[in-house]
Amino acid sequence: MSAIPSIDPLLCPLCGQANQCAMEVELASGIQQPPCWCAQTSFTAELLARIPEPARGNACLCAACARAAAA
């Protein structure tokens, strides 16, 4: 039986770098954060479809991956 990889909500599921999600930082630290950058960004269906199924709804993309998809 293979192990299910753990999903780190602070890492981008596409590149593995820190996603800078203010909502997750606030949950992890208990320190109130300003609104997250992702709340002001729209994501295409194609970009969201690239997120591995286990990470969907569990980890945010990073700004670099979001920008690269928009380019």
PDB file of N, CA and C in Angstrom:
ATOM      1  N   MET A   1       0.850  -1.176   0.000  1.00  0.00           N
ATOM      2  CA  MET A   1       0.000   0.000   0.000  1.00  0.00           C
ATOM      3  C   MET A   1       0.894   1.237   0.000  1.00  0.00           C
ATOM      4  N   SER A   2       0.637   2.190  -0.899  1.00  0.00           N
ATOM      5  CA  SER A   2       1.461   3.392  -0.961  1.00  0.00           C
ATOM      6  C   SER A   2       0.898   4.462  -0.032  1.00  0.00           C
ATOM      7  N   ALA A   3       1.805   5.247   0.524  1.00  0.00           N
ATOM      8  CA  ALA A   3       1.399   6.312   1.441  1.00  0.00           C
ATOM      9  C   ALA A   3       0.856   7.496   0.659  1.00  0.00           C
ATOM     10  N   ILE A   4      -0.143   8.150   1.209  1.00  0.00           N
ATOM     11  CA  ILE A   4      -0.692   9.355   0.612  1.00  0.00           C
ATOM     12  C   ILE A   4       0.218  10.508   1.028  1.00  0.00           C
ATOM     13  N   PRO A   5       0.743  11.256   0.038  1.00  0.00           N
ATOM     14  CA  PRO A   5       1.632  12.366   0.412  1.00  0.00           C
ATOM     15  C   PRO A   5       0.871  13.417   1.211  1.00  0.00           C
ATOM     16  N   SER A   6       1.539  13.969   2.224  1.00  0.00           N
ATOM     17  CA  SER A   6       0.882  14.993   3.022  1.00  0.00           C
ATOM     18  C   SER A   6       0.866  16.301   2.241  1.00  0.00           C
ATOM     19  N   ILE A   7      -0.165  17.080   2.433  1.00  0.00           N
ATOM     20  CA  ILE A   7      -0.324  18.359   1.765  1.00  0.00           C
ATOM     21  C   ILE A   7       0.031  19.445   2.769  1.00  0.00           C
ATOM     22  N   ASP A   8       0.987  20.276   2.427  1.00  0.00           N
ATOM     23  CA  ASP A   8       1.358  21.407   3.278  1.00  0.00           C
ATOM     24  C   ASP A   8       0.635  22.637   2.745  1.00  0.00           C
ATOM     25  N   PRO A   9      -0.322  23.184   3.492  1.00  0.00           N
ATOM     26  CA  PRO A   9      -1.094  24.319   2.993  1.00  0.00           C
ATOM     27  C   PRO A   9      -0.271  25.590   2.823  1.00  0.00           C
ATOM     28  N   LEU A  10       0.974  25.602   3.317  1.00  0.00           N
ATOM     29  CA  LEU A  10       1.834  26.777   3.163  1.00  0.00           C
ATOM     30  C   LEU A  10       2.717  26.701   1.923  1.00  0.00           C
ATOM     31  N   LEU A  11       2.626  25.576   1.178  1.00  0.00           N
ATOM     32  CA  LEU A  11       3.438  25.401  -0.019  1.00  0.00           C
ATOM     33  C   LEU A  11       2.563  25.291  -1.257  1.00  0.00           C
ATOM     34  N   CYS A  12       3.033  25.865  -2.351  1.00  0.00           N
ATOM     35  CA  CYS A  12       2.327  25.797  -3.629  1.00  0.00           C
ATOM     36  C   CYS A  12       2.327  24.347  -4.110  1.00  0.00           C
ATOM     37  N   PRO A  13       1.172  23.802  -4.469  1.00  0.00           N
ATOM     38  CA  PRO A  13       1.127  22.415  -4.923  1.00  0.00           C
ATOM     39  C   PRO A  13       1.713  22.210  -6.322  1.00  0.00           C
ATOM     40  N   LEU A  14       2.016  23.281  -7.037  1.00  0.00           N
ATOM     41  CA  LEU A  14       2.611  23.143  -8.370  1.00  0.00           C
ATOM     42  C   LEU A  14       4.134  23.193  -8.337  1.00  0.00           C
ATOM     43  N   CYS A  15       4.703  24.134  -7.566  1.00  0.00           N
ATOM     44  CA  CYS A  15       6.166  24.282  -7.573  1.00  0.00           C
ATOM     45  C   CYS A  15       6.828  23.921  -6.239  1.00  0.00           C
ATOM     46  N   GLY A  16       6.046  23.830  -5.184  1.00  0.00           N
ATOM     47  CA  GLY A  16       6.600  23.461  -3.879  1.00  0.00           C
ATOM     48  C   GLY A  16       7.184  24.616  -3.081  1.00  0.00           C
ATOM     49  N   GLN A  17       7.143  25.826  -3.636  1.00  0.00           N
ATOM     50  CA  GLN A  17       7.662  26.995  -2.927  1.00  0.00           C
ATOM     51  C   GLN A  17       6.589  27.548  -1.978  1.00  0.00           C
ATOM     52  N   ALA A  18       7.002  28.396  -1.053  1.00  0.00           N
ATOM     53  CA  ALA A  18       6.051  29.026  -0.129  1.00  0.00           C
ATOM     54  C   ALA A  18       5.010  29.800  -0.929  1.00  0.00           C
ATOM     55  N   ASN A  19       3.731  29.630  -0.568  1.00  0.00           N
ATOM     56  CA  ASN A  19       2.671  30.301  -1.331  1.00  0.00           C
ATOM     57  C   ASN A  19       2.270  31.649  -0.742  1.00  0.00           C
ATOM     58  N   GLN A  20       2.805  31.983   0.420  1.00  0.00           N
ATOM     59  CA  GLN A  20       2.521  33.262   1.076  1.00  0.00           C
ATOM     60  C   GLN A  20       1.023  33.476   1.304  1.00  0.00           C
ATOM     61  N   CYS A  21       0.285  32.413   1.579  1.00  0.00           N
ATOM     62  CA  CYS A  21      -1.153  32.523   1.823  1.00  0.00           C
ATOM     63  C   CYS A  21      -1.387  33.120   3.212  1.00  0.00           C
ATOM     64  N   ALA A  22      -1.902  34.331   3.242  1.00  0.00           N
ATOM     65  CA  ALA A  22      -2.120  35.021   4.511  1.00  0.00           C
ATOM     66  C   ALA A  22      -3.119  34.278   5.386  1.00  0.00           C
ATOM     67  N   MET A  23      -4.094  33.637   4.773  1.00  0.00           N
ATOM     68  CA  MET A  23      -5.093  32.910   5.565  1.00  0.00           C
ATOM     69  C   MET A  23      -4.455  31.724   6.291  1.00  0.00           C
ATOM     70  N   GLU A  24      -3.557  31.016   5.623  1.00  0.00           N
ATOM     71  CA  GLU A  24      -2.880  29.885   6.262  1.00  0.00           C
ATOM     72  C   GLU A  24      -1.863  30.358   7.296  1.00  0.00           C
ATOM     73  N   VAL A  25      -1.172  31.460   7.018  1.00  0.00           N
ATOM     74  CA  VAL A  25      -0.227  32.013   7.989  1.00  0.00           C
ATOM     75  C   VAL A  25      -0.975  32.394   9.263  1.00  0.00           C
ATOM     76  N   GLU A  26      -2.148  33.004   9.103  1.00  0.00           N
ATOM     77  CA  GLU A  26      -2.955  33.387  10.261  1.00  0.00           C
ATOM     78  C   GLU A  26      -3.408  32.160  11.048  1.00  0.00           C
ATOM     79  N   LEU A  27      -3.833  31.110  10.345  1.00  0.00           N
ATOM     80  CA  LEU A  27      -4.238  29.880  11.033  1.00  0.00           C
ATOM     81  C   LEU A  27      -3.070  29.266  11.795  1.00  0.00           C
ATOM     82  N   ALA A  28      -1.903  29.250  11.170  1.00  0.00           N
ATOM     83  CA  ALA A  28      -0.732  28.621  11.785  1.00  0.00           C
ATOM     84  C   ALA A  28      -0.163  29.433  12.940  1.00  0.00           C
ATOM     85  N   SER A  29      -0.216  30.769  12.820  1.00  0.00           N
ATOM     86  CA  SER A  29       0.437  31.618  13.820  1.00  0.00           C
ATOM     87  C   SER A  29      -0.510  32.219  14.849  1.00  0.00           C
ATOM     88  N   GLY A  30      -1.795  32.334  14.483  1.00  0.00           N
ATOM     89  CA  GLY A  30      -2.741  33.004  15.361  1.00  0.00           C
ATOM     90  C   GLY A  30      -2.649  34.510  15.289  1.00  0.00           C
ATOM     91  N   ILE A  31      -1.786  35.013  14.400  1.00  0.00           N
ATOM     92  CA  ILE A  31      -1.598  36.455  14.248  1.00  0.00           C
ATOM     93  C   ILE A  31      -2.402  36.922  13.042  1.00  0.00           C
ATOM     94  N   GLN A  32      -3.263  37.930  13.268  1.00  0.00           N
ATOM     95  CA  GLN A  32      -4.096  38.441  12.192  1.00  0.00           C
ATOM     96  C   GLN A  32      -3.236  38.958  11.050  1.00  0.00           C
ATOM     97  N   GLN A  33      -3.622  38.629   9.824  1.00  0.00           N
ATOM     98  CA  GLN A  33      -2.896  39.017   8.625  1.00  0.00           C
ATOM     99  C   GLN A  33      -3.755  39.935   7.763  1.00  0.00           C
ATOM    100  N   PRO A  34      -3.128  40.712   6.889  1.00  0.00           N
ATOM    101  CA  PRO A  34      -3.908  41.501   5.924  1.00  0.00           C
ATOM    102  C   PRO A  34      -4.554  40.543   4.928  1.00  0.00           C
ATOM    103  N   PRO A  35      -5.494  41.030   4.123  1.00  0.00           N
ATOM    104  CA  PRO A  35      -6.118  40.147   3.126  1.00  0.00           C
ATOM    105  C   PRO A  35      -5.061  39.488   2.235  1.00  0.00           C
ATOM    106  N   CYS A  36      -5.290  38.256   1.902  1.00  0.00           N
ATOM    107  CA  CYS A  36      -4.346  37.489   1.086  1.00  0.00           C
ATOM    108  C   CYS A  36      -4.338  38.000  -0.352  1.00  0.00           C
ATOM    109  N   TRP A  37      -3.176  37.928  -0.981  1.00  0.00           N
ATOM    110  CA  TRP A  37      -3.024  38.347  -2.373  1.00  0.00           C
ATOM    111  C   TRP A  37      -3.995  37.590  -3.275  1.00  0.00           C
ATOM    112  N   CYS A  38      -4.280  36.334  -2.926  1.00  0.00           N
ATOM    113  CA  CYS A  38      -5.111  35.501  -3.808  1.00  0.00           C
ATOM    114  C   CYS A  38      -6.579  35.937  -3.814  1.00  0.00           C
ATOM    115  N   ALA A  39      -6.995  36.681  -2.802  1.00  0.00           N
ATOM    116  CA  ALA A  39      -8.386  37.142  -2.751  1.00  0.00           C
ATOM    117  C   ALA A  39      -8.651  38.208  -3.812  1.00  0.00           C
ATOM    118  N   GLN A  40      -7.592  38.772  -4.371  1.00  0.00           N
ATOM    119  CA  GLN A  40      -7.737  39.813  -5.384  1.00  0.00           C
ATOM    120  C   GLN A  40      -7.282  39.327  -6.756  1.00  0.00           C
ATOM    121  N   THR A  41      -7.156  38.021  -6.916  1.00  0.00           N
ATOM    122  CA  THR A  41      -6.670  37.427  -8.155  1.00  0.00           C
ATOM    123  C   THR A  41      -7.698  36.446  -8.675  1.00  0.00           C
ATOM    124  N   SER A  42      -7.849  36.395  -9.988  1.00  0.00           N
ATOM    125  CA  SER A  42      -8.728  35.371 -10.560  1.00  0.00           C
ATOM    126  C   SER A  42      -7.850  34.275 -11.161  1.00  0.00           C
ATOM    127  N   PHE A  43      -8.299  33.064 -11.031  1.00  0.00           N
ATOM    128  CA  PHE A  43      -7.573  31.899 -11.500  1.00  0.00           C
ATOM    129  C   PHE A  43      -8.392  31.230 -12.598  1.00  0.00           C
ATOM    130  N   THR A  44      -7.749  30.879 -13.690  1.00  0.00           N
ATOM    131  CA  THR A  44      -8.460  30.217 -14.783  1.00  0.00           C
ATOM    132  C   THR A  44      -8.772  28.775 -14.409  1.00  0.00           C
ATOM    133  N   ALA A  45      -9.776  28.239 -15.045  1.00  0.00           N
ATOM    134  CA  ALA A  45     -10.129  26.832 -14.827  1.00  0.00           C
ATOM    135  C   ALA A  45      -8.971  25.929 -15.229  1.00  0.00           C
ATOM    136  N   GLU A  46      -8.249  26.307 -16.272  1.00  0.00           N
ATOM    137  CA  GLU A  46      -7.109  25.505 -16.731  1.00  0.00           C
ATOM    138  C   GLU A  46      -6.013  25.450 -15.670  1.00  0.00           C
ATOM    139  N   LEU A  47      -5.745  26.594 -15.033  1.00  0.00           N
ATOM    140  CA  LEU A  47      -4.732  26.623 -13.979  1.00  0.00           C
ATOM    141  C   LEU A  47      -5.175  25.775 -12.790  1.00  0.00           C
ATOM    142  N   LEU A  48      -6.398  25.935 -12.381  1.00  0.00           N
ATOM    143  CA  LEU A  48      -6.902  25.164 -11.235  1.00  0.00           C
ATOM    144  C   LEU A  48      -6.907  23.672 -11.531  1.00  0.00           C
ATOM    145  N   ALA A  49      -7.123  23.296 -12.776  1.00  0.00           N
ATOM    146  CA  ALA A  49      -7.124  21.879 -13.151  1.00  0.00           C
ATOM    147  C   ALA A  49      -5.732  21.260 -13.054  1.00  0.00           C
ATOM    148  N   ARG A  50      -4.680  22.093 -13.093  1.00  0.00           N
ATOM    149  CA  ARG A  50      -3.311  21.590 -12.971  1.00  0.00           C
ATOM    150  C   ARG A  50      -2.942  21.209 -11.540  1.00  0.00           C
ATOM    151  N   ILE A  51      -3.723  21.656 -10.568  1.00  0.00           N
ATOM    152  CA  ILE A  51      -3.445  21.343  -9.160  1.00  0.00           C
ATOM    153  C   ILE A  51      -3.743  19.865  -8.933  1.00  0.00           C
ATOM    154  N   PRO A  52      -2.806  19.120  -8.367  1.00  0.00           N
ATOM    155  CA  PRO A  52      -3.062  17.702  -8.094  1.00  0.00           C
ATOM    156  C   PRO A  52      -4.318  17.529  -7.232  1.00  0.00           C
ATOM    157  N   GLU A  53      -5.093  16.531  -7.546  1.00  0.00           N
ATOM    158  CA  GLU A  53      -6.382  16.293  -6.881  1.00  0.00           C
ATOM    159  C   GLU A  53      -6.301  16.365  -5.354  1.00  0.00           C
ATOM    160  N   PRO A  54      -5.319  15.705  -4.702  1.00  0.00           N
ATOM    161  CA  PRO A  54      -5.283  15.758  -3.229  1.00  0.00           C
ATOM    162  C   PRO A  54      -5.080  17.164  -2.662  1.00  0.00           C
ATOM    163  N   ALA A  55      -4.470  18.059  -3.447  1.00  0.00           N
ATOM    164  CA  ALA A  55      -4.183  19.410  -2.965  1.00  0.00           C
ATOM    165  C   ALA A  55      -5.317  20.391  -3.236  1.00  0.00           C
ATOM    166  N   ARG A  56      -6.249  20.026  -4.095  1.00  0.00           N
ATOM    167  CA  ARG A  56      -7.345  20.946  -4.436  1.00  0.00           C
ATOM    168  C   ARG A  56      -8.167  21.266  -3.197  1.00  0.00           C
ATOM    169  N   GLY A  57      -8.289  22.552  -2.924  1.00  0.00           N
ATOM    170  CA  GLY A  57      -9.019  22.996  -1.749  1.00  0.00           C
ATOM    171  C   GLY A  57      -8.231  22.871  -0.458  1.00  0.00           C
ATOM    172  N   ASN A  58      -6.982  22.413  -0.562  1.00  0.00           N
ATOM    173  CA  ASN A  58      -6.164  22.211   0.633  1.00  0.00           C
ATOM    174  C   ASN A  58      -4.878  23.015   0.642  1.00  0.00           C
ATOM    175  N   ALA A  59      -4.456  23.533  -0.506  1.00  0.00           N
ATOM    176  CA  ALA A  59      -3.226  24.326  -0.593  1.00  0.00           C
ATOM    177  C   ALA A  59      -3.372  25.353  -1.705  1.00  0.00           C
ATOM    178  N   CYS A  60      -2.930  26.565  -1.428  1.00  0.00           N
ATOM    179  CA  CYS A  60      -3.011  27.651  -2.408  1.00  0.00           C
ATOM    180  C   CYS A  60      -1.816  27.630  -3.350  1.00  0.00           C
ATOM    181  N   LEU A  61      -2.034  28.158  -4.527  1.00  0.00           N
ATOM    182  CA  LEU A  61      -0.942  28.374  -5.463  1.00  0.00           C
ATOM    183  C   LEU A  61      -0.118  29.565  -4.989  1.00  0.00           C
ATOM    184  N   CYS A  62       1.111  29.647  -5.462  1.00  0.00           N
ATOM    185  CA  CYS A  62       1.919  30.828  -5.170  1.00  0.00           C
ATOM    186  C   CYS A  62       1.673  31.872  -6.256  1.00  0.00           C
ATOM    187  N   ALA A  63       2.051  33.110  -5.971  1.00  0.00           N
ATOM    188  CA  ALA A  63       1.851  34.194  -6.915  1.00  0.00           C
ATOM    189  C   ALA A  63       2.640  33.971  -8.200  1.00  0.00           C
ATOM    190  N   ALA A  64       3.828  33.371  -8.102  1.00  0.00           N
ATOM    191  CA  ALA A  64       4.645  33.135  -9.299  1.00  0.00           C
ATOM    192  C   ALA A  64       3.950  32.168 -10.252  1.00  0.00           C
ATOM    193  N   CYS A  65       3.375  31.095  -9.737  1.00  0.00           N
ATOM    194  CA  CYS A  65       2.672  30.140 -10.599  1.00  0.00           C
ATOM    195  C   CYS A  65       1.406  30.778 -11.185  1.00  0.00           C
ATOM    196  N   ALA A  66       0.736  31.597 -10.402  1.00  0.00           N
ATOM    197  CA  ALA A  66      -0.469  32.276 -10.902  1.00  0.00           C
ATOM    198  C   ALA A  66      -0.090  33.252 -12.013  1.00  0.00           C
ATOM    199  N   ARG A  67       1.011  33.990 -11.833  1.00  0.00           N
ATOM    200  CA  ARG A  67       1.460  34.941 -12.868  1.00  0.00           C
ATOM    201  C   ARG A  67       1.902  34.210 -14.116  1.00  0.00           C
ATOM    202  N   ALA A  68       2.632  33.112 -13.960  1.00  0.00           N
ATOM    203  CA  ALA A  68       3.137  32.363 -15.108  1.00  0.00           C
ATOM    204  C   ALA A  68       1.979  31.810 -15.946  1.00  0.00           C
ATOM    205  N   ALA A  69       0.909  31.411 -15.300  1.00  0.00           N
ATOM    206  CA  ALA A  69      -0.239  30.871 -16.021  1.00  0.00           C
ATOM    207  C   ALA A  69      -0.972  31.971 -16.767  1.00  0.00           C
ATOM    208  N   ALA A  70      -0.920  33.191 -16.238  1.00  0.00           N
ATOM    209  CA  ALA A  70      -1.630  34.316 -16.870  1.00  0.00           C
ATOM    210  C   ALA A  70      -0.845  34.884 -18.046  1.00  0.00           C
ATOM    211  N   ALA A  71       0.446  34.588 -18.093  1.00  0.00           N
ATOM    212  CA  ALA A  71       1.304  35.157 -19.153  1.00  0.00           C
ATOM    213  C   ALA A  71       1.114  34.457 -20.483  1.00  0.00           C
TER     214      ALA A  71
END
